[in-house]
Amino acid sequence: VAASMAQIASAYPTAGGLYHWGSILGGKGWGW
């Protein structure tokens, strides 16, 4: 899980992490 999260974090290093990843990759509803 950590490795998968780390790969996404490397592409999108922002505060809020998972929220941004979910929004960018799955749409704003998924991120919300």
ModelCIF file with pLDDT and N, C-alpha, C, O atoms, coordinates in Angstrom:
data_MODEL
#
_entry.id   MODEL 
#
_entity.id                         1 
_entity.type                       polymer 
_entity.pdbx_number_of_molecules   1 
#
_entity_poly.entity_id                      1 
_entity_poly.type                           'polypeptide(L)' 
_entity_poly.nstd_linkage                   no 
_entity_poly.nstd_monomer                   no 
_entity_poly.pdbx_seq_one_letter_code       VAASMAQIASAYPTAGGLYHWGSILGGKGWGW 
_entity_poly.pdbx_seq_one_letter_code_can   VAASMAQIASAYPTAGGLYHWGSILGGKGWGW 
_entity_poly.pdbx_strand_id                 A 
#
loop_
_entity_poly_seq.entity_id 
_entity_poly_seq.num 
_entity_poly_seq.mon_id 
_entity_poly_seq.hetero 
1 1  VAL n 
1 2  ALA n 
1 3  ALA n 
1 4  SER n 
1 5  MET n 
1 6  ALA n 
1 7  GLN n 
1 8  ILE n 
1 9  ALA n 
1 10 SER n 
1 11 ALA n 
1 12 TYR n 
1 13 PRO n 
1 14 THR n 
1 15 ALA n 
1 16 GLY n 
1 17 GLY n 
1 18 LEU n 
1 19 TYR n 
1 20 HIS n 
1 21 TRP n 
1 22 GLY n 
1 23 SER n 
1 24 ILE n 
1 25 LEU n 
1 26 GLY n 
1 27 GLY n 
1 28 LYS n 
1 29 GLY n 
1 30 TRP n 
1 31 GLY n 
1 32 TRP n 
#
_struct_asym.id          A 
_struct_asym.entity_id   1 
#
loop_
_ma_qa_metric.id 
_ma_qa_metric.mode 
_ma_qa_metric.name 
_ma_qa_metric.software_group_id 
_ma_qa_metric.type 
1 global pLDDT . pLDDT 
2 local  pLDDT . pLDDT 
#
_ma_qa_metric_global.metric_id      1 
_ma_qa_metric_global.metric_value   94.66 
_ma_qa_metric_global.model_id       1 
_ma_qa_metric_global.ordinal_id     1 
#
loop_
_ma_qa_metric_local.label_asym_id 
_ma_qa_metric_local.label_comp_id 
_ma_qa_metric_local.label_seq_id 
_ma_qa_metric_local.metric_id 
_ma_qa_metric_local.metric_value 
_ma_qa_metric_local.model_id 
_ma_qa_metric_local.ordinal_id 
A VAL 1  2 95.00 1 1  
A ALA 2  2 96.00 1 2  
A ALA 3  2 97.00 1 3  
A SER 4  2 96.00 1 4  
A MET 5  2 96.00 1 5  
A ALA 6  2 97.00 1 6  
A GLN 7  2 97.00 1 7  
A ILE 8  2 97.00 1 8  
A ALA 9  2 97.00 1 9  
A SER 10 2 97.00 1 10 
A ALA 11 2 95.00 1 11 
A TYR 12 2 95.00 1 12 
A PRO 13 2 95.00 1 13 
A THR 14 2 94.00 1 14 
A ALA 15 2 93.00 1 15 
A GLY 16 2 88.00 1 16 
A GLY 17 2 87.00 1 17 
A LEU 18 2 93.00 1 18 
A TYR 19 2 93.00 1 19 
A HIS 20 2 93.00 1 20 
A TRP 21 2 95.00 1 21 
A GLY 22 2 95.00 1 22 
A SER 23 2 94.00 1 23 
A ILE 24 2 93.00 1 24 
A LEU 25 2 95.00 1 25 
A GLY 26 2 95.00 1 26 
A GLY 27 2 93.00 1 27 
A LYS 28 2 94.00 1 28 
A GLY 29 2 95.00 1 29 
A TRP 30 2 96.00 1 30 
A GLY 31 2 96.00 1 31 
A TRP 32 2 97.00 1 32 
#
loop_
_atom_site.group_PDB 
_atom_site.id 
_atom_site.type_symbol 
_atom_site.label_atom_id 
_atom_site.label_alt_id 
_atom_site.label_comp_id 
_atom_site.label_asym_id 
_atom_site.label_entity_id 
_atom_site.label_seq_id 
_atom_site.pdbx_PDB_ins_code 
_atom_site.Cartn_x 
_atom_site.Cartn_y 
_atom_site.Cartn_z 
_atom_site.occupancy 
_atom_site.B_iso_or_equiv 
_atom_site.pdbx_formal_charge 
_atom_site.auth_seq_id 
_atom_site.auth_comp_id 
_atom_site.auth_asym_id 
_atom_site.auth_atom_id 
_atom_site.pdbx_PDB_model_num 
ATOM 1   N N  . VAL A 1 1  ? 0.835   -1.199 0.000   1.00 95.00 ? 1  VAL A N  1 
ATOM 2   C CA . VAL A 1 1  ? 0.000   0.000  0.000   1.00 95.00 ? 1  VAL A CA 1 
ATOM 3   C C  . VAL A 1 1  ? 0.872   1.251  0.000   1.00 95.00 ? 1  VAL A C  1 
ATOM 4   O O  . VAL A 1 1  ? 0.613   2.198  -0.743  1.00 95.00 ? 1  VAL A O  1 
ATOM 5   N N  . ALA A 1 2  ? 1.918   1.247  0.849   1.00 96.00 ? 2  ALA A N  1 
ATOM 6   C CA . ALA A 1 2  ? 2.808   2.401  0.946   1.00 96.00 ? 2  ALA A CA 1 
ATOM 7   C C  . ALA A 1 2  ? 3.502   2.686  -0.381  1.00 96.00 ? 2  ALA A C  1 
ATOM 8   O O  . ALA A 1 2  ? 3.627   3.842  -0.785  1.00 96.00 ? 2  ALA A O  1 
ATOM 9   N N  . ALA A 1 3  ? 3.952   1.631  -1.056  1.00 97.00 ? 3  ALA A N  1 
ATOM 10  C CA . ALA A 1 3  ? 4.644   1.809  -2.340  1.00 97.00 ? 3  ALA A CA 1 
ATOM 11  C C  . ALA A 1 3  ? 3.695   2.396  -3.381  1.00 97.00 ? 3  ALA A C  1 
ATOM 12  O O  . ALA A 1 3  ? 4.087   3.274  -4.149  1.00 97.00 ? 3  ALA A O  1 
ATOM 13  N N  . SER A 1 4  ? 2.454   1.920  -3.413  1.00 96.00 ? 4  SER A N  1 
ATOM 14  C CA . SER A 1 4  ? 1.472   2.446  -4.361  1.00 96.00 ? 4  SER A CA 1 
ATOM 15  C C  . SER A 1 4  ? 1.166   3.911  -4.072  1.00 96.00 ? 4  SER A C  1 
ATOM 16  O O  . SER A 1 4  ? 1.064   4.724  -4.990  1.00 96.00 ? 4  SER A O  1 
ATOM 17  N N  . MET A 1 5  ? 1.020   4.243  -2.794  1.00 96.00 ? 5  MET A N  1 
ATOM 18  C CA . MET A 1 5  ? 0.769   5.630  -2.414  1.00 96.00 ? 5  MET A CA 1 
ATOM 19  C C  . MET A 1 5  ? 1.973   6.501  -2.731  1.00 96.00 ? 5  MET A C  1 
ATOM 20  O O  . MET A 1 5  ? 1.821   7.643  -3.167  1.00 96.00 ? 5  MET A O  1 
ATOM 21  N N  . ALA A 1 6  ? 3.173   5.963  -2.514  1.00 97.00 ? 6  ALA A N  1 
ATOM 22  C CA . ALA A 1 6  ? 4.394   6.730  -2.757  1.00 97.00 ? 6  ALA A CA 1 
ATOM 23  C C  . ALA A 1 6  ? 4.529   7.112  -4.224  1.00 97.00 ? 6  ALA A C  1 
ATOM 24  O O  . ALA A 1 6  ? 4.972   8.215  -4.544  1.00 97.00 ? 6  ALA A O  1 
ATOM 25  N N  . GLN A 1 7  ? 4.146   6.199  -5.117  1.00 97.00 ? 7  GLN A N  1 
ATOM 26  C CA . GLN A 1 7  ? 4.233   6.490  -6.544  1.00 97.00 ? 7  GLN A CA 1 
ATOM 27  C C  . GLN A 1 7  ? 3.311   7.650  -6.917  1.00 97.00 ? 7  GLN A C  1 
ATOM 28  O O  . GLN A 1 7  ? 3.690   8.523  -7.697  1.00 97.00 ? 7  GLN A O  1 
ATOM 29  N N  . ILE A 1 8  ? 2.091   7.655  -6.355  1.00 97.00 ? 8  ILE A N  1 
ATOM 30  C CA . ILE A 1 8  ? 1.158   8.742  -6.663  1.00 97.00 ? 8  ILE A CA 1 
ATOM 31  C C  . ILE A 1 8  ? 1.631   10.045 -6.026  1.00 97.00 ? 8  ILE A C  1 
ATOM 32  O O  . ILE A 1 8  ? 1.515   11.118 -6.618  1.00 97.00 ? 8  ILE A O  1 
ATOM 33  N N  . ALA A 1 9  ? 2.170   9.935  -4.800  1.00 97.00 ? 9  ALA A N  1 
ATOM 34  C CA . ALA A 1 9  ? 2.670   11.128 -4.108  1.00 97.00 ? 9  ALA A CA 1 
ATOM 35  C C  . ALA A 1 9  ? 3.814   11.778 -4.864  1.00 97.00 ? 9  ALA A C  1 
ATOM 36  O O  . ALA A 1 9  ? 3.958   13.000 -4.847  1.00 97.00 ? 9  ALA A O  1 
ATOM 37  N N  . SER A 1 10 ? 4.618   10.978 -5.518  1.00 97.00 ? 10 SER A N  1 
ATOM 38  C CA . SER A 1 10 ? 5.738   11.511 -6.283  1.00 97.00 ? 10 SER A CA 1 
ATOM 39  C C  . SER A 1 10 ? 5.255   12.340 -7.470  1.00 97.00 ? 10 SER A C  1 
ATOM 40  O O  . SER A 1 10 ? 5.906   13.305 -7.871  1.00 97.00 ? 10 SER A O  1 
ATOM 41  N N  . ALA A 1 11 ? 4.117   11.957 -8.023  1.00 95.00 ? 11 ALA A N  1 
ATOM 42  C CA . ALA A 1 11 ? 3.553   12.697 -9.160  1.00 95.00 ? 11 ALA A CA 1 
ATOM 43  C C  . ALA A 1 11 ? 2.798   13.930 -8.703  1.00 95.00 ? 11 ALA A C  1 
ATOM 44  O O  . ALA A 1 11 ? 2.790   14.947 -9.397  1.00 95.00 ? 11 ALA A O  1 
ATOM 45  N N  . TYR A 1 12 ? 2.153   13.849 -7.523  1.00 95.00 ? 12 TYR A N  1 
ATOM 46  C CA . TYR A 1 12 ? 1.318   14.951 -7.027  1.00 95.00 ? 12 TYR A CA 1 
ATOM 47  C C  . TYR A 1 12 ? 1.649   15.252 -5.569  1.00 95.00 ? 12 TYR A C  1 
ATOM 48  O O  . TYR A 1 12 ? 0.883   14.895 -4.675  1.00 95.00 ? 12 TYR A O  1 
ATOM 49  N N  . PRO A 1 13 ? 2.789   15.909 -5.320  1.00 95.00 ? 13 PRO A N  1 
ATOM 50  C CA . PRO A 1 13 ? 3.215   16.180 -3.941  1.00 95.00 ? 13 PRO A CA 1 
ATOM 51  C C  . PRO A 1 13 ? 2.558   17.429 -3.353  1.00 95.00 ? 13 PRO A C  1 
ATOM 52  O O  . PRO A 1 13 ? 3.173   18.494 -3.294  1.00 95.00 ? 13 PRO A O  1 
ATOM 53  N N  . THR A 1 14 ? 1.304   17.290 -2.920  1.00 94.00 ? 14 THR A N  1 
ATOM 54  C CA . THR A 1 14 ? 0.593   18.417 -2.330  1.00 94.00 ? 14 THR A CA 1 
ATOM 55  C C  . THR A 1 14 ? 0.087   18.058 -0.944  1.00 94.00 ? 14 THR A C  1 
ATOM 56  O O  . THR A 1 14 ? -0.097  16.884 -0.623  1.00 94.00 ? 14 THR A O  1 
ATOM 57  N N  . ALA A 1 15 ? -0.138  19.093 -0.116  1.00 93.00 ? 15 ALA A N  1 
ATOM 58  C CA . ALA A 1 15 ? -0.830  18.891 1.152   1.00 93.00 ? 15 ALA A CA 1 
ATOM 59  C C  . ALA A 1 15 ? -2.208  18.346 0.844   1.00 93.00 ? 15 ALA A C  1 
ATOM 60  O O  . ALA A 1 15 ? -2.800  18.699 -0.176  1.00 93.00 ? 15 ALA A O  1 
ATOM 61  N N  . GLY A 1 16 ? -2.721  17.498 1.701   1.00 88.00 ? 16 GLY A N  1 
ATOM 62  C CA . GLY A 1 16 ? -4.021  16.889 1.427   1.00 88.00 ? 16 GLY A CA 1 
ATOM 63  C C  . GLY A 1 16 ? -3.907  15.583 0.698   1.00 88.00 ? 16 GLY A C  1 
ATOM 64  O O  . GLY A 1 16 ? -4.870  14.823 0.603   1.00 88.00 ? 16 GLY A O  1 
ATOM 65  N N  . GLY A 1 17 ? -2.709  15.319 0.173   1.00 87.00 ? 17 GLY A N  1 
ATOM 66  C CA . GLY A 1 17 ? -2.393  14.028 -0.425  1.00 87.00 ? 17 GLY A CA 1 
ATOM 67  C C  . GLY A 1 17 ? -3.530  13.267 -1.062  1.00 87.00 ? 17 GLY A C  1 
ATOM 68  O O  . GLY A 1 17 ? -3.854  13.474 -2.231  1.00 87.00 ? 17 GLY A O  1 
ATOM 69  N N  . LEU A 1 18 ? -4.139  12.379 -0.283  1.00 93.00 ? 18 LEU A N  1 
ATOM 70  C CA . LEU A 1 18 ? -5.102  11.430 -0.837  1.00 93.00 ? 18 LEU A CA 1 
ATOM 71  C C  . LEU A 1 18 ? -6.302  12.102 -1.489  1.00 93.00 ? 18 LEU A C  1 
ATOM 72  O O  . LEU A 1 18 ? -6.845  11.595 -2.471  1.00 93.00 ? 18 LEU A O  1 
ATOM 73  N N  . TYR A 1 19 ? -6.711  13.234 -0.948  1.00 93.00 ? 19 TYR A N  1 
ATOM 74  C CA . TYR A 1 19 ? -7.836  13.970 -1.535  1.00 93.00 ? 19 TYR A CA 1 
ATOM 75  C C  . TYR A 1 19 ? -7.509  14.402 -2.968  1.00 93.00 ? 19 TYR A C  1 
ATOM 76  O O  . TYR A 1 19 ? -8.319  14.234 -3.881  1.00 93.00 ? 19 TYR A O  1 
ATOM 77  N N  . HIS A 1 20 ? -6.313  14.959 -3.146  1.00 93.00 ? 20 HIS A N  1 
ATOM 78  C CA . HIS A 1 20 ? -5.918  15.396 -4.486  1.00 93.00 ? 20 HIS A CA 1 
ATOM 79  C C  . HIS A 1 20 ? -5.753  14.203 -5.420  1.00 93.00 ? 20 HIS A C  1 
ATOM 80  O O  . HIS A 1 20 ? -6.185  14.250 -6.572  1.00 93.00 ? 20 HIS A O  1 
ATOM 81  N N  . TRP A 1 21 ? -5.138  13.147 -4.937  1.00 95.00 ? 21 TRP A N  1 
ATOM 82  C CA . TRP A 1 21 ? -4.924  11.972 -5.775  1.00 95.00 ? 21 TRP A CA 1 
ATOM 83  C C  . TRP A 1 21 ? -6.257  11.405 -6.235  1.00 95.00 ? 21 TRP A C  1 
ATOM 84  O O  . TRP A 1 21 ? -6.441  11.089 -7.411  1.00 95.00 ? 21 TRP A O  1 
ATOM 85  N N  . GLY A 1 22 ? -7.199  11.277 -5.278  1.00 95.00 ? 22 GLY A N  1 
ATOM 86  C CA . GLY A 1 22 ? -8.507  10.743 -5.628  1.00 95.00 ? 22 GLY A CA 1 
ATOM 87  C C  . GLY A 1 22 ? -9.226  11.619 -6.642  1.00 95.00 ? 22 GLY A C  1 
ATOM 88  O O  . GLY A 1 22 ? -9.880  11.114 -7.554  1.00 95.00 ? 22 GLY A O  1 
ATOM 89  N N  . SER A 1 23 ? -9.101  12.948 -6.481  1.00 94.00 ? 23 SER A N  1 
ATOM 90  C CA . SER A 1 23 ? -9.774  13.887 -7.387  1.00 94.00 ? 23 SER A CA 1 
ATOM 91  C C  . SER A 1 23 ? -9.158  13.863 -8.780  1.00 94.00 ? 23 SER A C  1 
ATOM 92  O O  . SER A 1 23 ? -9.868  13.829 -9.785  1.00 94.00 ? 23 SER A O  1 
ATOM 93  N N  . ILE A 1 24 ? -7.829  13.881 -8.828  1.00 93.00 ? 24 ILE A N  1 
ATOM 94  C CA . ILE A 1 24 ? -7.140  13.935 -10.111 1.00 93.00 ? 24 ILE A CA 1 
ATOM 95  C C  . ILE A 1 24 ? -7.310  12.638 -10.894 1.00 93.00 ? 24 ILE A C  1 
ATOM 96  O O  . ILE A 1 24 ? -7.492  12.663 -12.111 1.00 93.00 ? 24 ILE A O  1 
ATOM 97  N N  . LEU A 1 25 ? -7.251  11.511 -10.198 1.00 95.00 ? 25 LEU A N  1 
ATOM 98  C CA . LEU A 1 25 ? -7.295  10.208 -10.872 1.00 95.00 ? 25 LEU A CA 1 
ATOM 99  C C  . LEU A 1 25 ? -8.701  9.646  -11.012 1.00 95.00 ? 25 LEU A C  1 
ATOM 100 O O  . LEU A 1 25 ? -8.972  8.873  -11.931 1.00 95.00 ? 25 LEU A O  1 
ATOM 101 N N  . GLY A 1 26 ? -9.606  10.030 -10.099 1.00 95.00 ? 26 GLY A N  1 
ATOM 102 C CA . GLY A 1 26 ? -10.937 9.437  -10.114 1.00 95.00 ? 26 GLY A CA 1 
ATOM 103 C C  . GLY A 1 26 ? -12.082 10.416 -10.280 1.00 95.00 ? 26 GLY A C  1 
ATOM 104 O O  . GLY A 1 26 ? -13.242 10.007 -10.322 1.00 95.00 ? 26 GLY A O  1 
ATOM 105 N N  . GLY A 1 27 ? -11.778 11.700 -10.376 1.00 93.00 ? 27 GLY A N  1 
ATOM 106 C CA . GLY A 1 27 ? -12.831 12.698 -10.503 1.00 93.00 ? 27 GLY A CA 1 
ATOM 107 C C  . GLY A 1 27 ? -13.095 13.377 -9.177  1.00 93.00 ? 27 GLY A C  1 
ATOM 108 O O  . GLY A 1 27 ? -12.767 12.839 -8.120  1.00 93.00 ? 27 GLY A O  1 
ATOM 109 N N  . LYS A 1 28 ? -13.697 14.575 -9.232  1.00 94.00 ? 28 LYS A N  1 
ATOM 110 C CA . LYS A 1 28 ? -13.843 15.377 -8.019  1.00 94.00 ? 28 LYS A CA 1 
ATOM 111 C C  . LYS A 1 28 ? -14.761 14.717 -6.983  1.00 94.00 ? 28 LYS A C  1 
ATOM 112 O O  . LYS A 1 28 ? -14.558 14.893 -5.782  1.00 94.00 ? 28 LYS A O  1 
ATOM 113 N N  . GLY A 1 29 ? -15.763 13.964 -7.431  1.00 95.00 ? 29 GLY A N  1 
ATOM 114 C CA . GLY A 1 29 ? -16.645 13.272 -6.497  1.00 95.00 ? 29 GLY A CA 1 
ATOM 115 C C  . GLY A 1 29 ? -15.920 12.192 -5.734  1.00 95.00 ? 29 GLY A C  1 
ATOM 116 O O  . GLY A 1 29 ? -16.108 12.034 -4.528  1.00 95.00 ? 29 GLY A O  1 
ATOM 117 N N  . TRP A 1 30 ? -15.090 11.447 -6.443  1.00 96.00 ? 30 TRP A N  1 
ATOM 118 C CA . TRP A 1 30 ? -14.285 10.387 -5.826  1.00 96.00 ? 30 TRP A CA 1 
ATOM 119 C C  . TRP A 1 30 ? -13.290 10.998 -4.837  1.00 96.00 ? 30 TRP A C  1 
ATOM 120 O O  . TRP A 1 30 ? -13.067 10.460 -3.753  1.00 96.00 ? 30 TRP A O  1 
ATOM 121 N N  . GLY A 1 31 ? -12.698 12.127 -5.227  1.00 96.00 ? 31 GLY A N  1 
ATOM 122 C CA . GLY A 1 31 ? -11.759 12.804 -4.336  1.00 96.00 ? 31 GLY A CA 1 
ATOM 123 C C  . GLY A 1 31 ? -12.442 13.379 -3.114  1.00 96.00 ? 31 GLY A C  1 
ATOM 124 O O  . GLY A 1 31 ? -11.888 13.339 -2.015  1.00 96.00 ? 31 GLY A O  1 
ATOM 125 N N  . TRP A 1 32 ? -13.653 13.918 -3.295  1.00 97.00 ? 32 TRP A N  1 
ATOM 126 C CA . TRP A 1 32 ? -14.420 14.476 -2.173  1.00 97.00 ? 32 TRP A CA 1 
ATOM 127 C C  . TRP A 1 32 ? -14.742 13.397 -1.153  1.00 97.00 ? 32 TRP A C  1 
ATOM 128 O O  . TRP A 1 32 ? -15.383 13.677 -0.140  1.00 97.00 ? 32 TRP A O  1 
#
